[in-house]
């Protein structure tokens, strides 16, 4: 079996997830692919999660942090350049989950870190999560990917993945938050470059024929990237929610109870002690039908 190691140079999360999925879609049944990649600051949701329930979108837009939806299931995670991602792609007949997890654990041991697996998808050090994994499969192929938190900005992690749940009503699967830590809390000398080298060495120990190769762009990659950049994919065509926001109108505080359907404001109830009811009703009429995330991006809500 041929085995490839590909270290993606891009840090664009949309491009990287498109490339990953393109490798999955165009897999060779006699080939094993091991990807290493990093993303600029972004929050990555599982395939079936409700964006309004998972993310503090207003904070993210204010700080240029990208919302991303991946193809695999599972919970929401935060990525930045202090995080290293890995992906294994193979045919079902060549799926070796235990071997692949051992590759990660072996790489961590090379960095002086003893880790353990909890359940099917978490890697822990001293009882705290340093890696989470998710997967995608069909009858022919299998993909599993995960994170390794080396020097992740845990403050941004917390702010992006903490929407005001007390002011939210809606459907969708909410992430279960775990206690997390960075690998550099365990080994202060660990680096992304060093961990990459350890992962490659560990992979080649299990797959001696594996070679570092350049990224190959398949014909469908650009179309996949366009799709996952689209609002229809990121927000979801059928997502519904109710959120509350506080704004001021000519010095008067207003509480808005906003109904959202497919990222469009379908209804608003406004709570205020303002005497200018006409101005309040005009605001309501002007907001109904508008794109909710667009208003957040423009700092209008």
C-alpha atoms as a PDB file:
ATOM      1  CA  UNK A   1       0.000   0.000   0.000  1.00  0.00           C
ATOM      2  CA  UNK A   2       1.208   3.481  -0.901  1.00  0.00           C
ATOM      3  CA  UNK A   3       1.315   5.974   1.994  1.00  0.00           C
ATOM      4  CA  UNK A   4       1.589   9.745   1.656  1.00  0.00           C
ATOM      5  CA  UNK A   5       2.382  12.439   4.202  1.00  0.00           C
ATOM      6  CA  UNK A   6       1.188  15.900   3.157  1.00  0.00           C
ATOM      7  CA  UNK A   7       1.974  19.019   5.189  1.00  0.00           C
ATOM      8  CA  UNK A   8      -0.473  21.642   3.913  1.00  0.00           C
ATOM      9  CA  UNK A   9       1.097  25.098   3.626  1.00  0.00           C
ATOM     10  CA  UNK A  10      -2.212  26.992   3.696  1.00  0.00           C
ATOM     11  CA  UNK A  11      -3.635  28.348   6.954  1.00  0.00           C
ATOM     12  CA  UNK A  12      -7.008  29.237   5.382  1.00  0.00           C
ATOM     13  CA  UNK A  13      -9.554  26.997   7.161  1.00  0.00           C
ATOM     14  CA  UNK A  14     -11.964  26.930   4.215  1.00  0.00           C
ATOM     15  CA  UNK A  15      -9.185  25.919   1.812  1.00  0.00           C
ATOM     16  CA  UNK A  16      -7.821  23.307   4.208  1.00  0.00           C
ATOM     17  CA  UNK A  17     -11.165  21.659   4.917  1.00  0.00           C
ATOM     18  CA  UNK A  18     -11.911  21.674   1.179  1.00  0.00           C
ATOM     19  CA  UNK A  19      -8.574  19.983   0.492  1.00  0.00           C
ATOM     20  CA  UNK A  20      -9.139  17.423   3.202  1.00  0.00           C
ATOM     21  CA  UNK A  21     -12.594  16.554   1.862  1.00  0.00           C
ATOM     22  CA  UNK A  22     -11.303  16.470  -1.709  1.00  0.00           C
ATOM     23  CA  UNK A  23      -8.711  13.859  -0.704  1.00  0.00           C
ATOM     24  CA  UNK A  24     -11.511  11.869   0.905  1.00  0.00           C
ATOM     25  CA  UNK A  25     -13.748  12.129  -2.177  1.00  0.00           C
ATOM     26  CA  UNK A  26     -10.914  11.190  -4.551  1.00  0.00           C
ATOM     27  CA  UNK A  27      -9.311   8.526  -2.401  1.00  0.00           C
ATOM     28  CA  UNK A  28      -7.297   5.695  -3.924  1.00  0.00           C
ATOM     29  CA  UNK A  29      -8.268   2.354  -2.310  1.00  0.00           C
ATOM     30  CA  UNK A  30      -4.616   1.302  -2.341  1.00  0.00           C
ATOM     31  CA  UNK A  31      -3.386   4.539  -0.786  1.00  0.00           C
ATOM     32  CA  UNK A  32      -3.130   5.934   2.729  1.00  0.00           C
ATOM     33  CA  UNK A  33      -3.043   9.727   3.241  1.00  0.00           C
ATOM     34  CA  UNK A  34      -1.790  11.485   6.382  1.00  0.00           C
ATOM     35  CA  UNK A  35      -2.396  15.246   6.424  1.00  0.00           C
ATOM     36  CA  UNK A  36      -0.913  17.828   8.780  1.00  0.00           C
ATOM     37  CA  UNK A  37      -2.415  21.313   8.732  1.00  0.00           C
ATOM     38  CA  UNK A  38      -3.027  24.500  10.692  1.00  0.00           C
ATOM     39  CA  UNK A  39      -5.717  27.159  10.555  1.00  0.00           C
ATOM     40  CA  UNK A  40      -5.735  30.859  11.251  1.00  0.00           C
ATOM     41  CA  UNK A  41      -8.146  31.823  14.067  1.00  0.00           C
ATOM     42  CA  UNK A  42     -11.539  30.228  13.489  1.00  0.00           C
ATOM     43  CA  UNK A  43     -14.279  28.312  15.273  1.00  0.00           C
ATOM     44  CA  UNK A  44     -15.149  25.031  13.567  1.00  0.00           C
ATOM     45  CA  UNK A  45     -18.585  23.498  14.068  1.00  0.00           C
ATOM     46  CA  UNK A  46     -19.630  19.900  13.588  1.00  0.00           C
ATOM     47  CA  UNK A  47     -21.745  19.101  10.562  1.00  0.00           C
ATOM     48  CA  UNK A  48     -25.094  19.153  12.381  1.00  0.00           C
ATOM     49  CA  UNK A  49     -24.660  21.950  14.899  1.00  0.00           C
ATOM     50  CA  UNK A  50     -26.663  25.151  15.263  1.00  0.00           C
ATOM     51  CA  UNK A  51     -24.355  28.127  14.682  1.00  0.00           C
ATOM     52  CA  UNK A  52     -26.366  30.442  16.938  1.00  0.00           C
ATOM     53  CA  UNK A  53     -26.228  27.982  19.815  1.00  0.00           C
ATOM     54  CA  UNK A  54     -22.508  27.264  19.457  1.00  0.00           C
ATOM     55  CA  UNK A  55     -20.756  30.521  18.663  1.00  0.00           C
ATOM     56  CA  UNK A  56     -20.464  34.057  19.960  1.00  0.00           C
ATOM     57  CA  UNK A  57     -20.782  35.448  16.451  1.00  0.00           C
ATOM     58  CA  UNK A  58     -20.737  39.104  17.421  1.00  0.00           C
ATOM     59  CA  UNK A  59     -17.432  38.684  19.268  1.00  0.00           C
ATOM     60  CA  UNK A  60     -15.974  36.663  16.401  1.00  0.00           C
ATOM     61  CA  UNK A  61     -16.858  39.226  13.742  1.00  0.00           C
ATOM     62  CA  UNK A  62     -15.443  42.019  15.919  1.00  0.00           C
ATOM     63  CA  UNK A  63     -12.136  40.116  16.210  1.00  0.00           C
ATOM     64  CA  UNK A  64     -11.904  38.747  12.638  1.00  0.00           C
ATOM     65  CA  UNK A  65     -12.332  35.139  13.733  1.00  0.00           C
ATOM     66  CA  UNK A  66     -13.911  32.972  11.045  1.00  0.00           C
ATOM     67  CA  UNK A  67     -16.966  30.721  11.528  1.00  0.00           C
ATOM     68  CA  UNK A  68     -16.460  27.380   9.765  1.00  0.00           C
ATOM     69  CA  UNK A  69     -18.560  24.238   9.351  1.00  0.00           C
ATOM     70  CA  UNK A  70     -16.791  20.949   8.684  1.00  0.00           C
ATOM     71  CA  UNK A  71     -18.027  17.704   7.101  1.00  0.00           C
ATOM     72  CA  UNK A  72     -17.565  15.510  10.173  1.00  0.00           C
ATOM     73  CA  UNK A  73     -19.848  15.353  13.184  1.00  0.00           C
ATOM     74  CA  UNK A  74     -19.037  16.112  16.790  1.00  0.00           C
ATOM     75  CA  UNK A  75     -18.676  19.317  18.734  1.00  0.00           C
ATOM     76  CA  UNK A  76     -17.368  22.801  18.128  1.00  0.00           C
ATOM     77  CA  UNK A  77     -13.638  23.561  18.411  1.00  0.00           C
ATOM     78  CA  UNK A  78     -11.453  26.647  18.217  1.00  0.00           C
ATOM     79  CA  UNK A  79      -8.376  26.679  15.955  1.00  0.00           C
ATOM     80  CA  UNK A  80      -5.454  29.064  15.707  1.00  0.00           C
ATOM     81  CA  UNK A  81      -1.770  28.740  14.839  1.00  0.00           C
ATOM     82  CA  UNK A  82      -1.094  27.300  18.291  1.00  0.00           C
ATOM     83  CA  UNK A  83      -3.064  24.236  17.223  1.00  0.00           C
ATOM     84  CA  UNK A  84      -1.936  21.407  14.917  1.00  0.00           C
ATOM     85  CA  UNK A  85      -4.473  19.309  13.016  1.00  0.00           C
ATOM     86  CA  UNK A  86      -4.006  15.807  11.646  1.00  0.00           C
ATOM     87  CA  UNK A  87      -6.084  13.676   9.269  1.00  0.00           C
ATOM     88  CA  UNK A  88      -5.924   9.995   8.315  1.00  0.00           C
ATOM     89  CA  UNK A  89      -7.725   8.909   5.116  1.00  0.00           C
ATOM     90  CA  UNK A  90      -7.859   5.315   3.867  1.00  0.00           C
ATOM     91  CA  UNK A  91     -10.158   2.677   2.439  1.00  0.00           C
ATOM     92  CA  UNK A  92     -12.343   0.704   4.826  1.00  0.00           C
ATOM     93  CA  UNK A  93     -10.181  -2.369   4.239  1.00  0.00           C
ATOM     94  CA  UNK A  94      -7.081  -0.406   5.268  1.00  0.00           C
ATOM     95  CA  UNK A  95      -8.675   1.325   8.262  1.00  0.00           C
ATOM     96  CA  UNK A  96      -6.437   0.910  11.316  1.00  0.00           C
ATOM     97  CA  UNK A  97      -7.893   3.073  14.070  1.00  0.00           C
ATOM     98  CA  UNK A  98      -5.789   1.601  16.863  1.00  0.00           C
ATOM     99  CA  UNK A  99      -2.622   2.082  14.811  1.00  0.00           C
ATOM    100  CA  UNK A 100      -3.502   5.681  13.981  1.00  0.00           C
ATOM    101  CA  UNK A 101      -4.246   6.594  17.590  1.00  0.00           C
ATOM    102  CA  UNK A 102      -0.992   4.907  18.626  1.00  0.00           C
ATOM    103  CA  UNK A 103       0.828   7.102  16.082  1.00  0.00           C
ATOM    104  CA  UNK A 104      -0.462  10.193  17.893  1.00  0.00           C
ATOM    105  CA  UNK A 105       0.355   8.804  21.347  1.00  0.00           C
ATOM    106  CA  UNK A 106       3.822   7.746  20.183  1.00  0.00           C
ATOM    107  CA  UNK A 107       4.497  11.219  18.785  1.00  0.00           C
ATOM    108  CA  UNK A 108       3.520  12.747  22.120  1.00  0.00           C
ATOM    109  CA  UNK A 109       5.835  10.341  23.950  1.00  0.00           C
ATOM    110  CA  UNK A 110       8.651  11.504  21.673  1.00  0.00           C
ATOM    111  CA  UNK A 111       7.876  14.967  23.039  1.00  0.00           C
ATOM    112  CA  UNK A 112       8.056  13.714  26.620  1.00  0.00           C
ATOM    113  CA  UNK A 113       4.286  13.630  27.131  1.00  0.00           C
ATOM    114  CA  UNK A 114       2.345  10.580  28.307  1.00  0.00           C
ATOM    115  CA  UNK A 115      -1.234  10.705  27.071  1.00  0.00           C
ATOM    116  CA  UNK A 116      -4.227   8.396  27.132  1.00  0.00           C
ATOM    117  CA  UNK A 117      -7.351   7.883  25.061  1.00  0.00           C
ATOM    118  CA  UNK A 118     -10.751   8.460  26.636  1.00  0.00           C
ATOM    119  CA  UNK A 119     -13.748   7.011  24.868  1.00  0.00           C
ATOM    120  CA  UNK A 120     -13.591   6.994  21.090  1.00  0.00           C
ATOM    121  CA  UNK A 121     -12.480  10.507  20.356  1.00  0.00           C
ATOM    122  CA  UNK A 122     -10.545  12.294  23.124  1.00  0.00           C
ATOM    123  CA  UNK A 123      -6.868  12.276  24.077  1.00  0.00           C
ATOM    124  CA  UNK A 124      -6.127  13.380  27.634  1.00  0.00           C
ATOM    125  CA  UNK A 125      -3.037  14.397  29.579  1.00  0.00           C
ATOM    126  CA  UNK A 126      -3.368  14.484  33.374  1.00  0.00           C
ATOM    127  CA  UNK A 127      -7.137  14.241  32.990  1.00  0.00           C
ATOM    128  CA  UNK A 128      -7.437  17.234  30.669  1.00  0.00           C
ATOM    129  CA  UNK A 129      -8.272  17.152  26.977  1.00  0.00           C
ATOM    130  CA  UNK A 130      -5.470  18.007  24.527  1.00  0.00           C
ATOM    131  CA  UNK A 131      -7.034  16.472  21.421  1.00  0.00           C
ATOM    132  CA  UNK A 132     -10.483  15.724  20.078  1.00  0.00           C
ATOM    133  CA  UNK A 133     -11.221  13.575  17.042  1.00  0.00           C
ATOM    134  CA  UNK A 134     -14.138  13.202  14.623  1.00  0.00           C
ATOM    135  CA  UNK A 135     -14.699  10.993  11.608  1.00  0.00           C
ATOM    136  CA  UNK A 136     -16.516  10.517   8.323  1.00  0.00           C
ATOM    137  CA  UNK A 137     -17.085   7.297   6.428  1.00  0.00           C
ATOM    138  CA  UNK A 138     -19.052   5.454   3.797  1.00  0.00           C
ATOM    139  CA  UNK A 139     -18.942   1.861   2.561  1.00  0.00           C
ATOM    140  CA  UNK A 140     -15.617   2.381   0.798  1.00  0.00           C
ATOM    141  CA  UNK A 141     -13.585   4.987   2.670  1.00  0.00           C
ATOM    142  CA  UNK A 142     -12.826   6.359   6.101  1.00  0.00           C
ATOM    143  CA  UNK A 143     -11.534   9.706   7.396  1.00  0.00           C
ATOM    144  CA  UNK A 144     -10.617  10.593  10.957  1.00  0.00           C
ATOM    145  CA  UNK A 145      -9.140  13.915  11.986  1.00  0.00           C
ATOM    146  CA  UNK A 146      -8.254  15.687  15.180  1.00  0.00           C
ATOM    147  CA  UNK A 147      -6.625  18.594  16.927  1.00  0.00           C
ATOM    148  CA  UNK A 148      -3.501  18.852  19.054  1.00  0.00           C
ATOM    149  CA  UNK A 149      -3.516  21.915  21.283  1.00  0.00           C
ATOM    150  CA  UNK A 150       0.095  23.034  21.619  1.00  0.00           C
ATOM    151  CA  UNK A 151      -0.224  26.729  22.472  1.00  0.00           C
ATOM    152  CA  UNK A 152      -3.867  27.512  21.735  1.00  0.00           C
ATOM    153  CA  UNK A 153      -5.269  30.855  22.871  1.00  0.00           C
ATOM    154  CA  UNK A 154      -7.599  29.473  25.529  1.00  0.00           C
ATOM    155  CA  UNK A 155      -9.123  32.889  26.237  1.00  0.00           C
ATOM    156  CA  UNK A 156     -10.249  33.216  22.618  1.00  0.00           C
ATOM    157  CA  UNK A 157     -11.360  29.582  22.749  1.00  0.00           C
ATOM    158  CA  UNK A 158     -13.624  30.435  25.679  1.00  0.00           C
ATOM    159  CA  UNK A 159     -14.970  33.679  24.220  1.00  0.00           C
ATOM    160  CA  UNK A 160     -15.762  32.252  20.768  1.00  0.00           C
ATOM    161  CA  UNK A 161     -17.392  29.084  22.049  1.00  0.00           C
ATOM    162  CA  UNK A 162     -19.482  30.735  24.760  1.00  0.00           C
ATOM    163  CA  UNK A 163     -22.624  32.331  23.305  1.00  0.00           C
ATOM    164  CA  UNK A 164     -25.124  33.824  25.733  1.00  0.00           C
ATOM    165  CA  UNK A 165     -27.007  30.573  26.232  1.00  0.00           C
ATOM    166  CA  UNK A 166     -29.290  32.167  28.846  1.00  0.00           C
ATOM    167  CA  UNK A 167     -30.658  34.377  26.066  1.00  0.00           C
ATOM    168  CA  UNK A 168     -30.971  31.647  23.448  1.00  0.00           C
ATOM    169  CA  UNK A 169     -33.847  29.386  22.484  1.00  0.00           C
ATOM    170  CA  UNK A 170     -33.468  27.060  19.531  1.00  0.00           C
ATOM    171  CA  UNK A 171     -32.913  23.580  18.224  1.00  0.00           C
ATOM    172  CA  UNK A 172     -29.614  21.983  17.416  1.00  0.00           C
ATOM    173  CA  UNK A 173     -26.954  19.901  19.081  1.00  0.00           C
ATOM    174  CA  UNK A 174     -24.929  21.805  21.660  1.00  0.00           C
ATOM    175  CA  UNK A 175     -21.298  20.912  22.325  1.00  0.00           C
ATOM    176  CA  UNK A 176     -20.373  19.402  25.649  1.00  0.00           C
ATOM    177  CA  UNK A 177     -17.562  21.569  26.988  1.00  0.00           C
ATOM    178  CA  UNK A 178     -14.545  19.687  28.328  1.00  0.00           C
ATOM    179  CA  UNK A 179     -11.684  20.685  30.575  1.00  0.00           C
ATOM    180  CA  UNK A 180      -8.801  21.394  28.238  1.00  0.00           C
ATOM    181  CA  UNK A 181      -5.112  22.207  28.446  1.00  0.00           C
ATOM    182  CA  UNK A 182      -2.245  23.012  26.116  1.00  0.00           C
ATOM    183  CA  UNK A 183       0.620  20.594  25.552  1.00  0.00           C
ATOM    184  CA  UNK A 184       3.108  23.334  26.406  1.00  0.00           C
ATOM    185  CA  UNK A 185       1.670  23.363  29.926  1.00  0.00           C
ATOM    186  CA  UNK A 186       3.029  19.824  30.247  1.00  0.00           C
ATOM    187  CA  UNK A 187       6.233  20.324  28.240  1.00  0.00           C
ATOM    188  CA  UNK A 188       7.136  24.032  27.917  1.00  0.00           C
ATOM    189  CA  UNK A 189       9.730  23.274  25.220  1.00  0.00           C
ATOM    190  CA  UNK A 190       7.285  21.670  22.775  1.00  0.00           C
ATOM    191  CA  UNK A 191       6.816  23.449  19.431  1.00  0.00           C
ATOM    192  CA  UNK A 192       4.538  22.973  16.442  1.00  0.00           C
ATOM    193  CA  UNK A 193       7.543  22.229  14.210  1.00  0.00           C
ATOM    194  CA  UNK A 194       8.924  19.676  16.661  1.00  0.00           C
ATOM    195  CA  UNK A 195       5.555  17.975  17.085  1.00  0.00           C
ATOM    196  CA  UNK A 196       5.147  17.782  13.300  1.00  0.00           C
ATOM    197  CA  UNK A 197       8.516  16.047  13.069  1.00  0.00           C
ATOM    198  CA  UNK A 198       7.533  13.607  15.821  1.00  0.00           C
ATOM    199  CA  UNK A 199       4.225  12.838  14.079  1.00  0.00           C
ATOM    200  CA  UNK A 200       5.974  12.207  10.774  1.00  0.00           C
ATOM    201  CA  UNK A 201       8.581   9.964  12.433  1.00  0.00           C
ATOM    202  CA  UNK A 202       5.874   8.071  14.296  1.00  0.00           C
ATOM    203  CA  UNK A 203       3.814   7.645  11.121  1.00  0.00           C
ATOM    204  CA  UNK A 204       6.819   6.372   9.167  1.00  0.00           C
ATOM    205  CA  UNK A 205       7.541   3.898  11.937  1.00  0.00           C
ATOM    206  CA  UNK A 206       4.125   2.327  11.299  1.00  0.00           C
ATOM    207  CA  UNK A 207       4.226   2.929   7.521  1.00  0.00           C
ATOM    208  CA  UNK A 208       7.912   2.642   6.494  1.00  0.00           C
ATOM    209  CA  UNK A 209       7.040   3.229   2.836  1.00  0.00           C
ATOM    210  CA  UNK A 210       5.462   6.625   3.591  1.00  0.00           C
ATOM    211  CA  UNK A 211       6.974   9.674   1.909  1.00  0.00           C
ATOM    212  CA  UNK A 212       6.445  13.412   2.250  1.00  0.00           C
ATOM    213  CA  UNK A 213       4.661  14.605  -0.886  1.00  0.00           C
ATOM    214  CA  UNK A 214       3.280  17.888  -2.207  1.00  0.00           C
ATOM    215  CA  UNK A 215      -0.403  18.752  -2.122  1.00  0.00           C
ATOM    216  CA  UNK A 216      -2.229  17.678  -5.291  1.00  0.00           C
ATOM    217  CA  UNK A 217      -5.307  19.697  -6.259  1.00  0.00           C
ATOM    218  CA  UNK A 218      -8.176  17.583  -7.572  1.00  0.00           C
ATOM    219  CA  UNK A 219     -10.729  19.113  -9.997  1.00  0.00           C
ATOM    220  CA  UNK A 220     -13.475  19.291  -7.356  1.00  0.00           C
ATOM    221  CA  UNK A 221     -11.431  21.186  -4.749  1.00  0.00           C
ATOM    222  CA  UNK A 222     -12.398  24.704  -5.875  1.00  0.00           C
ATOM    223  CA  UNK A 223     -16.119  23.845  -5.942  1.00  0.00           C
ATOM    224  CA  UNK A 224     -15.924  22.313  -2.461  1.00  0.00           C
ATOM    225  CA  UNK A 225     -14.178  25.412  -1.143  1.00  0.00           C
ATOM    226  CA  UNK A 226     -16.806  27.714  -2.667  1.00  0.00           C
ATOM    227  CA  UNK A 227     -19.545  25.685  -1.030  1.00  0.00           C
ATOM    228  CA  UNK A 228     -18.049  25.688   2.477  1.00  0.00           C
ATOM    229  CA  UNK A 229     -17.394  29.440   2.281  1.00  0.00           C
ATOM    230  CA  UNK A 230     -21.080  30.071   1.524  1.00  0.00           C
ATOM    231  CA  UNK A 231     -23.533  31.325   4.116  1.00  0.00           C
ATOM    232  CA  UNK A 232     -25.899  28.498   3.172  1.00  0.00           C
ATOM    233  CA  UNK A 233     -23.282  25.978   4.347  1.00  0.00           C
ATOM    234  CA  UNK A 234     -21.865  27.884   7.337  1.00  0.00           C
ATOM    235  CA  UNK A 235     -25.178  29.009   8.803  1.00  0.00           C
ATOM    236  CA  UNK A 236     -27.357  26.220   7.469  1.00  0.00           C
ATOM    237  CA  UNK A 237     -30.396  26.518   5.235  1.00  0.00           C
ATOM    238  CA  UNK A 238     -32.902  25.357   7.839  1.00  0.00           C
ATOM    239  CA  UNK A 239     -31.466  26.742  11.075  1.00  0.00           C
ATOM    240  CA  UNK A 240     -34.025  28.443  13.298  1.00  0.00           C
ATOM    241  CA  UNK A 241     -33.415  30.204  16.582  1.00  0.00           C
ATOM    242  CA  UNK A 242     -34.519  32.947  18.916  1.00  0.00           C
ATOM    243  CA  UNK A 243     -31.853  35.262  20.309  1.00  0.00           C
ATOM    244  CA  UNK A 244     -31.908  38.386  22.420  1.00  0.00           C
ATOM    245  CA  UNK A 245     -29.801  41.471  21.908  1.00  0.00           C
ATOM    246  CA  UNK A 246     -29.502  44.778  23.781  1.00  0.00           C
ATOM    247  CA  UNK A 247     -29.104  48.007  21.798  1.00  0.00           C
ATOM    248  CA  UNK A 248     -29.742  51.713  22.307  1.00  0.00           C
ATOM    249  CA  UNK A 249     -31.941  53.958  20.187  1.00  0.00           C
ATOM    250  CA  UNK A 250     -31.283  57.666  20.718  1.00  0.00           C
ATOM    251  CA  UNK A 251     -30.024  56.969  24.224  1.00  0.00           C
ATOM    252  CA  UNK A 252     -32.882  54.649  25.158  1.00  0.00           C
ATOM    253  CA  UNK A 253     -32.055  50.986  25.924  1.00  0.00           C
ATOM    254  CA  UNK A 254     -33.971  48.412  23.894  1.00  0.00           C
ATOM    255  CA  UNK A 255     -34.233  44.649  24.372  1.00  0.00           C
ATOM    256  CA  UNK A 256     -34.789  42.780  21.114  1.00  0.00           C
ATOM    257  CA  UNK A 257     -36.201  39.245  21.017  1.00  0.00           C
ATOM    258  CA  UNK A 258     -35.270  38.169  17.494  1.00  0.00           C
ATOM    259  CA  UNK A 259     -36.633  35.161  15.596  1.00  0.00           C
ATOM    260  CA  UNK A 260     -34.227  33.861  12.947  1.00  0.00           C
ATOM    261  CA  UNK A 261     -35.057  31.486  10.104  1.00  0.00           C
ATOM    262  CA  UNK A 262     -32.250  30.462   7.709  1.00  0.00           C
ATOM    263  CA  UNK A 263     -30.211  33.490   8.871  1.00  0.00           C
ATOM    264  CA  UNK A 264     -33.061  35.889   8.048  1.00  0.00           C
ATOM    265  CA  UNK A 265     -34.856  37.889  10.753  1.00  0.00           C
ATOM    266  CA  UNK A 266     -38.451  36.670  10.552  1.00  0.00           C
ATOM    267  CA  UNK A 267     -39.891  38.489  13.573  1.00  0.00           C
ATOM    268  CA  UNK A 268     -38.848  40.834  16.406  1.00  0.00           C
ATOM    269  CA  UNK A 269     -40.405  41.791  19.707  1.00  0.00           C
ATOM    270  CA  UNK A 270     -38.985  45.027  21.152  1.00  0.00           C
ATOM    271  CA  UNK A 271     -39.084  45.756  24.883  1.00  0.00           C
ATOM    272  CA  UNK A 272     -38.580  49.400  25.903  1.00  0.00           C
ATOM    273  CA  UNK A 273     -40.019  52.213  27.998  1.00  0.00           C
ATOM    274  CA  UNK A 274     -39.509  54.668  25.131  1.00  0.00           C
ATOM    275  CA  UNK A 275     -42.419  57.020  24.456  1.00  0.00           C
ATOM    276  CA  UNK A 276     -41.566  57.222  20.752  1.00  0.00           C
ATOM    277  CA  UNK A 277     -43.531  54.182  19.589  1.00  0.00           C
ATOM    278  CA  UNK A 278     -43.367  55.192  15.938  1.00  0.00           C
ATOM    279  CA  UNK A 279     -39.560  55.118  15.951  1.00  0.00           C
ATOM    280  CA  UNK A 280     -39.582  51.736  17.689  1.00  0.00           C
ATOM    281  CA  UNK A 281     -42.006  50.298  15.137  1.00  0.00           C
ATOM    282  CA  UNK A 282     -39.929  51.730  12.277  1.00  0.00           C
ATOM    283  CA  UNK A 283     -36.855  49.978  13.688  1.00  0.00           C
ATOM    284  CA  UNK A 284     -38.779  46.707  13.865  1.00  0.00           C
ATOM    285  CA  UNK A 285     -40.028  47.033  10.290  1.00  0.00           C
ATOM    286  CA  UNK A 286     -36.541  47.883   9.026  1.00  0.00           C
ATOM    287  CA  UNK A 287     -34.955  44.839  10.674  1.00  0.00           C
ATOM    288  CA  UNK A 288     -37.476  42.195   9.629  1.00  0.00           C
ATOM    289  CA  UNK A 289     -36.271  40.421   6.502  1.00  0.00           C
ATOM    290  CA  UNK A 290     -32.638  41.434   7.021  1.00  0.00           C
ATOM    291  CA  UNK A 291     -29.733  38.959   7.171  1.00  0.00           C
ATOM    292  CA  UNK A 292     -28.872  38.465  10.848  1.00  0.00           C
ATOM    293  CA  UNK A 293     -25.157  37.654  10.536  1.00  0.00           C
ATOM    294  CA  UNK A 294     -24.692  40.515   8.067  1.00  0.00           C
ATOM    295  CA  UNK A 295     -26.051  42.930  10.685  1.00  0.00           C
ATOM    296  CA  UNK A 296     -23.627  41.477  13.249  1.00  0.00           C
ATOM    297  CA  UNK A 297     -20.695  41.888  10.858  1.00  0.00           C
ATOM    298  CA  UNK A 298     -21.650  45.537  10.318  1.00  0.00           C
ATOM    299  CA  UNK A 299     -22.003  46.037  14.084  1.00  0.00           C
ATOM    300  CA  UNK A 300     -25.644  47.058  13.681  1.00  0.00           C
ATOM    301  CA  UNK A 301     -26.892  44.648  16.348  1.00  0.00           C
END
